[in-house]
Amino acid sequence: MTQSPVKITASLTAHSGKAEELHALLLGMVPHCRAEPGNLRWDVWRDSAHAERYVLDELYHDADAADAHRKTPHYQDYLSRIPALAERAALVLEPVEVG
């Protein structure tokens, strides 16, 4: 049985006065997340209309890789710091067969 890729899209809006700290945290995550086995993509985007809003675009080989990501020390550190820095909403997505 072939496992499907998992896409995670997270939206983060910095609390007042916390945009720079959020920016630094997200950029610090990039090399760690991209180096994870099973990670296919880990990008940070900023909303051009609202500079305090960021979107994480993540893609993992399968659910096991996404689960392994959530157990890493860098993700656990991120998760512990985010409530003080930003409002966060995340979608965990699976592909839809269109053909």
PDB file of N, CA and C in Angstrom:
ATOM      1  N   MET A   1       0.839  -1.188   0.000  1.00  0.00           N
ATOM      2  CA  MET A   1       0.000   0.000   0.000  1.00  0.00           C
ATOM      3  C   MET A   1       0.879   1.244   0.000  1.00  0.00           C
ATOM      4  N   THR A   2       0.586   2.173  -0.889  1.00  0.00           N
ATOM      5  CA  THR A   2       1.336   3.411  -1.003  1.00  0.00           C
ATOM      6  C   THR A   2       0.734   4.461  -0.078  1.00  0.00           C
ATOM      7  N   GLN A   3       1.594   5.099   0.705  1.00  0.00           N
ATOM      8  CA  GLN A   3       1.107   6.179   1.558  1.00  0.00           C
ATOM      9  C   GLN A   3       1.088   7.471   0.765  1.00  0.00           C
ATOM     10  N   SER A   4       0.135   8.308   1.080  1.00  0.00           N
ATOM     11  CA  SER A   4      -0.012   9.592   0.399  1.00  0.00           C
ATOM     12  C   SER A   4       0.828  10.662   1.076  1.00  0.00           C
ATOM     13  N   PRO A   5       1.251  11.660   0.295  1.00  0.00           N
ATOM     14  CA  PRO A   5       1.932  12.792   0.916  1.00  0.00           C
ATOM     15  C   PRO A   5       0.979  13.556   1.831  1.00  0.00           C
ATOM     16  N   VAL A   6       1.561  14.281   2.766  1.00  0.00           N
ATOM     17  CA  VAL A   6       0.793  15.109   3.697  1.00  0.00           C
ATOM     18  C   VAL A   6       1.269  16.542   3.546  1.00  0.00           C
ATOM     19  N   LYS A   7       0.316  17.448   3.338  1.00  0.00           N
ATOM     20  CA  LYS A   7       0.621  18.874   3.239  1.00  0.00           C
ATOM     21  C   LYS A   7       0.073  19.570   4.480  1.00  0.00           C
ATOM     22  N   ILE A   8       0.872  20.414   5.065  1.00  0.00           N
ATOM     23  CA  ILE A   8       0.433  21.216   6.204  1.00  0.00           C
ATOM     24  C   ILE A   8       0.587  22.676   5.823  1.00  0.00           C
ATOM     25  N   THR A   9      -0.479  23.404   6.028  1.00  0.00           N
ATOM     26  CA  THR A   9      -0.456  24.845   5.805  1.00  0.00           C
ATOM     27  C   THR A   9      -0.858  25.505   7.121  1.00  0.00           C
ATOM     28  N   ALA A  10       0.030  26.311   7.650  1.00  0.00           N
ATOM     29  CA  ALA A  10      -0.239  26.989   8.918  1.00  0.00           C
ATOM     30  C   ALA A  10      -0.208  28.492   8.698  1.00  0.00           C
ATOM     31  N   SER A  11      -1.188  29.159   9.265  1.00  0.00           N
ATOM     32  CA  SER A  11      -1.265  30.619   9.214  1.00  0.00           C
ATOM     33  C   SER A  11      -0.958  31.151  10.603  1.00  0.00           C
ATOM     34  N   LEU A  12      -0.032  32.101  10.676  1.00  0.00           N
ATOM     35  CA  LEU A  12       0.362  32.686  11.947  1.00  0.00           C
ATOM     36  C   LEU A  12       0.294  34.205  11.846  1.00  0.00           C
ATOM     37  N   THR A  13      -0.425  34.809  12.751  1.00  0.00           N
ATOM     38  CA  THR A  13      -0.509  36.268  12.800  1.00  0.00           C
ATOM     39  C   THR A  13       0.097  36.732  14.115  1.00  0.00           C
ATOM     40  N   ALA A  14       1.163  37.488  14.015  1.00  0.00           N
ATOM     41  CA  ALA A  14       1.902  37.935  15.201  1.00  0.00           C
ATOM     42  C   ALA A  14       1.048  38.813  16.091  1.00  0.00           C
ATOM     43  N   HIS A  15       1.215  38.610  17.395  1.00  0.00           N
ATOM     44  CA  HIS A  15       0.607  39.518  18.360  1.00  0.00           C
ATOM     45  C   HIS A  15       1.307  40.873  18.241  1.00  0.00           C
ATOM     46  N   SER A  16       0.649  41.900  18.707  1.00  0.00           N
ATOM     47  CA  SER A  16       1.195  43.255  18.646  1.00  0.00           C
ATOM     48  C   SER A  16       2.606  43.294  19.240  1.00  0.00           C
ATOM     49  N   GLY A  17       3.537  43.823  18.460  1.00  0.00           N
ATOM     50  CA  GLY A  17       4.916  43.970  18.902  1.00  0.00           C
ATOM     51  C   GLY A  17       5.746  42.691  18.838  1.00  0.00           C
ATOM     52  N   LYS A  18       5.187  41.614  18.306  1.00  0.00           N
ATOM     53  CA  LYS A  18       5.894  40.336  18.285  1.00  0.00           C
ATOM     54  C   LYS A  18       6.296  39.875  16.882  1.00  0.00           C
ATOM     55  N   ALA A  19       6.063  40.692  15.860  1.00  0.00           N
ATOM     56  CA  ALA A  19       6.317  40.269  14.474  1.00  0.00           C
ATOM     57  C   ALA A  19       7.789  39.916  14.233  1.00  0.00           C
ATOM     58  N   GLU A  20       8.708  40.707  14.752  1.00  0.00           N
ATOM     59  CA  GLU A  20      10.136  40.430  14.525  1.00  0.00           C
ATOM     60  C   GLU A  20      10.562  39.132  15.198  1.00  0.00           C
ATOM     61  N   GLU A  21      10.062  38.893  16.396  1.00  0.00           N
ATOM     62  CA  GLU A  21      10.401  37.666  17.118  1.00  0.00           C
ATOM     63  C   GLU A  21       9.813  36.436  16.410  1.00  0.00           C
ATOM     64  N   LEU A  22       8.592  36.569  15.912  1.00  0.00           N
ATOM     65  CA  LEU A  22       7.975  35.487  15.149  1.00  0.00           C
ATOM     66  C   LEU A  22       8.774  35.216  13.871  1.00  0.00           C
ATOM     67  N   HIS A  23       9.140  36.269  13.179  1.00  0.00           N
ATOM     68  CA  HIS A  23       9.931  36.151  11.952  1.00  0.00           C
ATOM     69  C   HIS A  23      11.226  35.370  12.217  1.00  0.00           C
ATOM     70  N   ALA A  24      11.928  35.735  13.271  1.00  0.00           N
ATOM     71  CA  ALA A  24      13.187  35.071  13.620  1.00  0.00           C
ATOM     72  C   ALA A  24      12.965  33.599  13.971  1.00  0.00           C
ATOM     73  N   LEU A  25      11.912  33.303  14.712  1.00  0.00           N
ATOM     74  CA  LEU A  25      11.616  31.919  15.073  1.00  0.00           C
ATOM     75  C   LEU A  25      11.358  31.080  13.825  1.00  0.00           C
ATOM     76  N   LEU A  26      10.547  31.598  12.911  1.00  0.00           N
ATOM     77  CA  LEU A  26      10.212  30.849  11.701  1.00  0.00           C
ATOM     78  C   LEU A  26      11.435  30.621  10.822  1.00  0.00           C
ATOM     79  N   LEU A  27      12.236  31.651  10.636  1.00  0.00           N
ATOM     80  CA  LEU A  27      13.439  31.480   9.812  1.00  0.00           C
ATOM     81  C   LEU A  27      14.428  30.517  10.454  1.00  0.00           C
ATOM     82  N   GLY A  28      14.472  30.495  11.774  1.00  0.00           N
ATOM     83  CA  GLY A  28      15.343  29.568  12.477  1.00  0.00           C
ATOM     84  C   GLY A  28      14.918  28.114  12.322  1.00  0.00           C
ATOM     85  N   MET A  29      13.644  27.891  12.033  1.00  0.00           N
ATOM     86  CA  MET A  29      13.124  26.537  11.842  1.00  0.00           C
ATOM     87  C   MET A  29      13.503  25.949  10.480  1.00  0.00           C
ATOM     88  N   VAL A  30      13.714  26.793   9.500  1.00  0.00           N
ATOM     89  CA  VAL A  30      13.888  26.341   8.117  1.00  0.00           C
ATOM     90  C   VAL A  30      14.954  25.257   7.963  1.00  0.00           C
ATOM     91  N   PRO A  31      16.195  25.474   8.371  1.00  0.00           N
ATOM     92  CA  PRO A  31      17.203  24.434   8.103  1.00  0.00           C
ATOM     93  C   PRO A  31      16.912  23.120   8.820  1.00  0.00           C
ATOM     94  N   HIS A  32      16.359  23.192  10.025  1.00  0.00           N
ATOM     95  CA  HIS A  32      16.046  21.978  10.775  1.00  0.00           C
ATOM     96  C   HIS A  32      14.935  21.182  10.096  1.00  0.00           C
ATOM     97  N   CYS A  33      13.877  21.870   9.715  1.00  0.00           N
ATOM     98  CA  CYS A  33      12.733  21.186   9.099  1.00  0.00           C
ATOM     99  C   CYS A  33      13.087  20.625   7.730  1.00  0.00           C
ATOM    100  N   ARG A  34      13.810  21.378   6.944  1.00  0.00           N
ATOM    101  CA  ARG A  34      14.179  20.899   5.609  1.00  0.00           C
ATOM    102  C   ARG A  34      15.118  19.698   5.677  1.00  0.00           C
ATOM    103  N   ALA A  35      15.852  19.548   6.759  1.00  0.00           N
ATOM    104  CA  ALA A  35      16.792  18.433   6.895  1.00  0.00           C
ATOM    105  C   ALA A  35      16.132  17.148   7.399  1.00  0.00           C
ATOM    106  N   GLU A  36      14.885  17.216   7.802  1.00  0.00           N
ATOM    107  CA  GLU A  36      14.204  16.028   8.330  1.00  0.00           C
ATOM    108  C   GLU A  36      13.991  14.984   7.232  1.00  0.00           C
ATOM    109  N   PRO A  37      14.212  13.714   7.571  1.00  0.00           N
ATOM    110  CA  PRO A  37      13.877  12.657   6.608  1.00  0.00           C
ATOM    111  C   PRO A  37      12.372  12.719   6.303  1.00  0.00           C
ATOM    112  N   GLY A  38      12.021  12.607   5.058  1.00  0.00           N
ATOM    113  CA  GLY A  38      10.610  12.631   4.688  1.00  0.00           C
ATOM    114  C   GLY A  38      10.055  14.015   4.425  1.00  0.00           C
ATOM    115  N   ASN A  39      10.851  15.065   4.688  1.00  0.00           N
ATOM    116  CA  ASN A  39      10.389  16.413   4.372  1.00  0.00           C
ATOM    117  C   ASN A  39      10.664  16.698   2.904  1.00  0.00           C
ATOM    118  N   LEU A  40       9.641  17.133   2.199  1.00  0.00           N
ATOM    119  CA  LEU A  40       9.782  17.466   0.781  1.00  0.00           C
ATOM    120  C   LEU A  40       9.768  18.969   0.540  1.00  0.00           C
ATOM    121  N   ARG A  41       9.222  19.734   1.484  1.00  0.00           N
ATOM    122  CA  ARG A  41       9.127  21.183   1.321  1.00  0.00           C
ATOM    123  C   ARG A  41       8.844  21.807   2.687  1.00  0.00           C
ATOM    124  N   TRP A  42       9.490  22.931   2.957  1.00  0.00           N
ATOM    125  CA  TRP A  42       9.207  23.691   4.178  1.00  0.00           C
ATOM    126  C   TRP A  42       9.562  25.142   3.884  1.00  0.00           C
ATOM    127  N   ASP A  43       8.540  25.920   3.560  1.00  0.00           N
ATOM    128  CA  ASP A  43       8.745  27.312   3.153  1.00  0.00           C
ATOM    129  C   ASP A  43       7.965  28.260   4.049  1.00  0.00           C
ATOM    130  N   VAL A  44       8.487  29.464   4.176  1.00  0.00           N
ATOM    131  CA  VAL A  44       7.845  30.527   4.939  1.00  0.00           C
ATOM    132  C   VAL A  44       7.426  31.619   3.968  1.00  0.00           C
ATOM    133  N   TRP A  45       6.166  32.035   4.053  1.00  0.00           N
ATOM    134  CA  TRP A  45       5.628  33.100   3.222  1.00  0.00           C
ATOM    135  C   TRP A  45       5.112  34.202   4.140  1.00  0.00           C
ATOM    136  N   ARG A  46       5.203  35.443   3.670  1.00  0.00           N
ATOM    137  CA  ARG A  46       4.644  36.571   4.429  1.00  0.00           C
ATOM    138  C   ARG A  46       3.597  37.249   3.571  1.00  0.00           C
ATOM    139  N   ASP A  47       2.506  37.617   4.196  1.00  0.00           N
ATOM    140  CA  ASP A  47       1.401  38.286   3.519  1.00  0.00           C
ATOM    141  C   ASP A  47       1.847  39.688   3.100  1.00  0.00           C
ATOM    142  N   SER A  48       1.780  39.979   1.815  1.00  0.00           N
ATOM    143  CA  SER A  48       2.232  41.282   1.317  1.00  0.00           C
ATOM    144  C   SER A  48       1.333  42.423   1.784  1.00  0.00           C
ATOM    145  N   ALA A  49       0.101  42.128   2.163  1.00  0.00           N
ATOM    146  CA  ALA A  49      -0.814  43.171   2.638  1.00  0.00           C
ATOM    147  C   ALA A  49      -0.769  43.343   4.155  1.00  0.00           C
ATOM    148  N   HIS A  50      -0.292  42.320   4.872  1.00  0.00           N
ATOM    149  CA  HIS A  50      -0.233  42.356   6.336  1.00  0.00           C
ATOM    150  C   HIS A  50       1.080  41.713   6.768  1.00  0.00           C
ATOM    151  N   ALA A  51       2.087  42.518   6.964  1.00  0.00           N
ATOM    152  CA  ALA A  51       3.445  42.021   7.220  1.00  0.00           C
ATOM    153  C   ALA A  51       3.568  41.197   8.498  1.00  0.00           C
ATOM    154  N   GLU A  52       2.590  41.268   9.378  1.00  0.00           N
ATOM    155  CA  GLU A  52       2.643  40.496  10.616  1.00  0.00           C
ATOM    156  C   GLU A  52       2.044  39.089  10.440  1.00  0.00           C
ATOM    157  N   ARG A  53       1.579  38.763   9.228  1.00  0.00           N
ATOM    158  CA  ARG A  53       0.953  37.463   8.954  1.00  0.00           C
ATOM    159  C   ARG A  53       1.887  36.602   8.104  1.00  0.00           C
ATOM    160  N   TYR A  54       2.103  35.386   8.554  1.00  0.00           N
ATOM    161  CA  TYR A  54       2.963  34.432   7.868  1.00  0.00           C
ATOM    162  C   TYR A  54       2.190  33.158   7.553  1.00  0.00           C
ATOM    163  N   VAL A  55       2.638  32.459   6.529  1.00  0.00           N
ATOM    164  CA  VAL A  55       2.074  31.164   6.176  1.00  0.00           C
ATOM    165  C   VAL A  55       3.228  30.184   6.020  1.00  0.00           C
ATOM    166  N   LEU A  56       3.100  29.043   6.683  1.00  0.00           N
ATOM    167  CA  LEU A  56       4.062  27.963   6.510  1.00  0.00           C
ATOM    168  C   LEU A  56       3.494  26.994   5.494  1.00  0.00           C
ATOM    169  N   ASP A  57       4.313  26.598   4.542  1.00  0.00           N
ATOM    170  CA  ASP A  57       3.927  25.664   3.490  1.00  0.00           C
ATOM    171  C   ASP A  57       4.833  24.450   3.639  1.00  0.00           C
ATOM    172  N   GLU A  58       4.263  23.349   4.136  1.00  0.00           N
ATOM    173  CA  GLU A  58       5.035  22.152   4.446  1.00  0.00           C
ATOM    174  C   GLU A  58       4.507  20.977   3.629  1.00  0.00           C
ATOM    175  N   LEU A  59       5.412  20.106   3.206  1.00  0.00           N
ATOM    176  CA  LEU A  59       5.016  18.908   2.489  1.00  0.00           C
ATOM    177  C   LEU A  59       5.896  17.757   2.962  1.00  0.00           C
ATOM    178  N   TYR A  60       5.246  16.663   3.340  1.00  0.00           N
ATOM    179  CA  TYR A  60       5.938  15.485   3.847  1.00  0.00           C
ATOM    180  C   TYR A  60       5.627  14.283   2.968  1.00  0.00           C
ATOM    181  N   HIS A  61       6.566  13.358   2.912  1.00  0.00           N
ATOM    182  CA  HIS A  61       6.430  12.158   2.090  1.00  0.00           C
ATOM    183  C   HIS A  61       5.174  11.377   2.470  1.00  0.00           C
ATOM    184  N   ASP A  62       4.874  11.314   3.774  1.00  0.00           N
ATOM    185  CA  ASP A  62       3.713  10.560   4.234  1.00  0.00           C
ATOM    186  C   ASP A  62       3.371  10.979   5.666  1.00  0.00           C
ATOM    187  N   ALA A  63       2.329  10.351   6.221  1.00  0.00           N
ATOM    188  CA  ALA A  63       1.882  10.691   7.573  1.00  0.00           C
ATOM    189  C   ALA A  63       2.959  10.385   8.615  1.00  0.00           C
ATOM    190  N   ASP A  64       3.729   9.324   8.402  1.00  0.00           N
ATOM    191  CA  ASP A  64       4.797   9.001   9.351  1.00  0.00           C
ATOM    192  C   ASP A  64       5.831  10.120   9.419  1.00  0.00           C
ATOM    193  N   ALA A  65       6.177  10.688   8.273  1.00  0.00           N
ATOM    194  CA  ALA A  65       7.147  11.796   8.252  1.00  0.00           C
ATOM    195  C   ALA A  65       6.577  13.034   8.939  1.00  0.00           C
ATOM    196  N   ALA A  66       5.292  13.312   8.731  1.00  0.00           N
ATOM    197  CA  ALA A  66       4.656  14.457   9.396  1.00  0.00           C
ATOM    198  C   ALA A  66       4.615  14.236  10.906  1.00  0.00           C
ATOM    199  N   ASP A  67       4.311  13.009  11.328  1.00  0.00           N
ATOM    200  CA  ASP A  67       4.309  12.695  12.760  1.00  0.00           C
ATOM    201  C   ASP A  67       5.703  12.828  13.359  1.00  0.00           C
ATOM    202  N   ALA A  68       6.710  12.359  12.636  1.00  0.00           N
ATOM    203  CA  ALA A  68       8.088  12.470  13.119  1.00  0.00           C
ATOM    204  C   ALA A  68       8.479  13.940  13.275  1.00  0.00           C
ATOM    205  N   HIS A  69       8.034  14.789  12.357  1.00  0.00           N
ATOM    206  CA  HIS A  69       8.302  16.225  12.443  1.00  0.00           C
ATOM    207  C   HIS A  69       7.782  16.794  13.766  1.00  0.00           C
ATOM    208  N   ARG A  70       6.578  16.404  14.126  1.00  0.00           N
ATOM    209  CA  ARG A  70       5.953  16.928  15.354  1.00  0.00           C
ATOM    210  C   ARG A  70       6.676  16.494  16.620  1.00  0.00           C
ATOM    211  N   LYS A  71       7.505  15.475  16.532  1.00  0.00           N
ATOM    212  CA  LYS A  71       8.227  14.970  17.705  1.00  0.00           C
ATOM    213  C   LYS A  71       9.638  15.533  17.829  1.00  0.00           C
ATOM    214  N   THR A  72      10.087  16.321  16.851  1.00  0.00           N
ATOM    215  CA  THR A  72      11.446  16.848  16.891  1.00  0.00           C
ATOM    216  C   THR A  72      11.599  17.918  17.967  1.00  0.00           C
ATOM    217  N   PRO A  73      12.793  18.071  18.514  1.00  0.00           N
ATOM    218  CA  PRO A  73      13.019  19.130  19.509  1.00  0.00           C
ATOM    219  C   PRO A  73      12.731  20.532  18.957  1.00  0.00           C
ATOM    220  N   HIS A  74      13.089  20.793  17.692  1.00  0.00           N
ATOM    221  CA  HIS A  74      12.854  22.141  17.153  1.00  0.00           C
ATOM    222  C   HIS A  74      11.361  22.418  17.008  1.00  0.00           C
ATOM    223  N   TYR A  75      10.552  21.424  16.655  1.00  0.00           N
ATOM    224  CA  TYR A  75       9.102  21.643  16.569  1.00  0.00           C
ATOM    225  C   TYR A  75       8.512  21.830  17.967  1.00  0.00           C
ATOM    226  N   GLN A  76       8.962  21.038  18.922  1.00  0.00           N
ATOM    227  CA  GLN A  76       8.452  21.166  20.289  1.00  0.00           C
ATOM    228  C   GLN A  76       8.786  22.551  20.875  1.00  0.00           C
ATOM    229  N   ASP A  77       9.984  23.054  20.575  1.00  0.00           N
ATOM    230  CA  ASP A  77      10.359  24.401  21.014  1.00  0.00           C
ATOM    231  C   ASP A  77       9.454  25.443  20.358  1.00  0.00           C
ATOM    232  N   TYR A  78       9.265  25.318  19.042  1.00  0.00           N
ATOM    233  CA  TYR A  78       8.373  26.220  18.296  1.00  0.00           C
ATOM    234  C   TYR A  78       6.980  26.214  18.911  1.00  0.00           C
ATOM    235  N   LEU A  79       6.445  25.026  19.153  1.00  0.00           N
ATOM    236  CA  LEU A  79       5.092  24.894  19.678  1.00  0.00           C
ATOM    237  C   LEU A  79       4.955  25.538  21.052  1.00  0.00           C
ATOM    238  N   SER A  80       5.989  25.453  21.865  1.00  0.00           N
ATOM    239  CA  SER A  80       5.938  26.056  23.202  1.00  0.00           C
ATOM    240  C   SER A  80       6.021  27.579  23.154  1.00  0.00           C
ATOM    241  N   ARG A  81       6.646  28.133  22.117  1.00  0.00           N
ATOM    242  CA  ARG A  81       6.838  29.588  22.022  1.00  0.00           C
ATOM    243  C   ARG A  81       5.729  30.309  21.259  1.00  0.00           C
ATOM    244  N   ILE A  82       5.042  29.614  20.365  1.00  0.00           N
ATOM    245  CA  ILE A  82       4.053  30.259  19.502  1.00  0.00           C
ATOM    246  C   ILE A  82       2.923  30.958  20.257  1.00  0.00           C
ATOM    247  N   PRO A  83       2.333  30.388  21.308  1.00  0.00           N
ATOM    248  CA  PRO A  83       1.207  31.084  21.955  1.00  0.00           C
ATOM    249  C   PRO A  83       1.528  32.510  22.407  1.00  0.00           C
ATOM    250  N   ALA A  84       2.757  32.762  22.819  1.00  0.00           N
ATOM    251  CA  ALA A  84       3.148  34.102  23.249  1.00  0.00           C
ATOM    252  C   ALA A  84       3.419  35.036  22.070  1.00  0.00           C
ATOM    253  N   LEU A  85       3.617  34.460  20.883  1.00  0.00           N
ATOM    254  CA  LEU A  85       4.014  35.256  19.724  1.00  0.00           C
ATOM    255  C   LEU A  85       2.905  35.500  18.713  1.00  0.00           C
ATOM    256  N   ALA A  86       1.978  34.540  18.562  1.00  0.00           N
ATOM    257  CA  ALA A  86       1.050  34.648  17.435  1.00  0.00           C
ATOM    258  C   ALA A  86      -0.206  33.812  17.630  1.00  0.00           C
ATOM    259  N   GLU A  87      -1.216  34.184  16.872  1.00  0.00           N
ATOM    260  CA  GLU A  87      -2.390  33.334  16.691  1.00  0.00           C
ATOM    261  C   GLU A  87      -2.024  32.353  15.593  1.00  0.00           C
ATOM    262  N   ARG A  88      -2.391  31.083  15.766  1.00  0.00           N
ATOM    263  CA  ARG A  88      -1.984  30.043  14.821  1.00  0.00           C
ATOM    264  C   ARG A  88      -3.169  29.174  14.448  1.00  0.00           C
ATOM    265  N   ALA A  89      -3.278  28.895  13.166  1.00  0.00           N
ATOM    266  CA  ALA A  89      -4.260  27.938  12.662  1.00  0.00           C
ATOM    267  C   ALA A  89      -3.549  27.067  11.640  1.00  0.00           C
ATOM    268  N   ALA A  90      -3.775  25.761  11.714  1.00  0.00           N
ATOM    269  CA  ALA A  90      -3.096  24.846  10.807  1.00  0.00           C
ATOM    270  C   ALA A  90      -4.101  23.898  10.158  1.00  0.00           C
ATOM    271  N   LEU A  91      -3.839  23.592   8.898  1.00  0.00           N
ATOM    272  CA  LEU A  91      -4.602  22.601   8.157  1.00  0.00           C
ATOM    273  C   LEU A  91      -3.663  21.455   7.823  1.00  0.00           C
ATOM    274  N   VAL A  92      -4.098  20.232   8.054  1.00  0.00           N
ATOM    275  CA  VAL A  92      -3.357  19.045   7.649  1.00  0.00           C
ATOM    276  C   VAL A  92      -4.144  18.457   6.491  1.00  0.00           C
ATOM    277  N   LEU A  93      -3.515  18.415   5.316  1.00  0.00           N
ATOM    278  CA  LEU A  93      -4.226  18.108   4.076  1.00  0.00           C
ATOM    279  C   LEU A  93      -3.730  16.819   3.436  1.00  0.00           C
ATOM    280  N   GLU A  94      -4.635  16.149   2.749  1.00  0.00           N
ATOM    281  CA  GLU A  94      -4.282  14.962   1.977  1.00  0.00           C
ATOM    282  C   GLU A  94      -4.675  15.209   0.529  1.00  0.00           C
ATOM    283  N   PRO A  95      -3.986  14.558  -0.404  1.00  0.00           N
ATOM    284  CA  PRO A  95      -4.302  14.801  -1.811  1.00  0.00           C
ATOM    285  C   PRO A  95      -5.677  14.249  -2.188  1.00  0.00           C
ATOM    286  N   VAL A  96      -6.273  14.904  -3.166  1.00  0.00           N
ATOM    287  CA  VAL A  96      -7.551  14.467  -3.705  1.00  0.00           C
ATOM    288  C   VAL A  96      -7.295  13.973  -5.121  1.00  0.00           C
ATOM    289  N   GLU A  97      -7.731  12.764  -5.415  1.00  0.00           N
ATOM    290  CA  GLU A  97      -7.577  12.198  -6.755  1.00  0.00           C
ATOM    291  C   GLU A  97      -8.470  12.975  -7.729  1.00  0.00           C
ATOM    292  N   VAL A  98      -7.881  13.563  -8.732  1.00  0.00           N
ATOM    293  CA  VAL A  98      -8.659  14.380  -9.682  1.00  0.00           C
ATOM    294  C   VAL A  98      -8.732  13.749 -11.071  1.00  0.00           C
ATOM    295  N   GLY A  99      -8.103  12.631 -11.259  1.00  0.00           N
ATOM    296  CA  GLY A  99      -8.087  12.034 -12.587  1.00  0.00           C
ATOM    297  C   GLY A  99      -8.817  10.728 -12.676  1.00  0.00           C
TER     298      GLY A  99
END
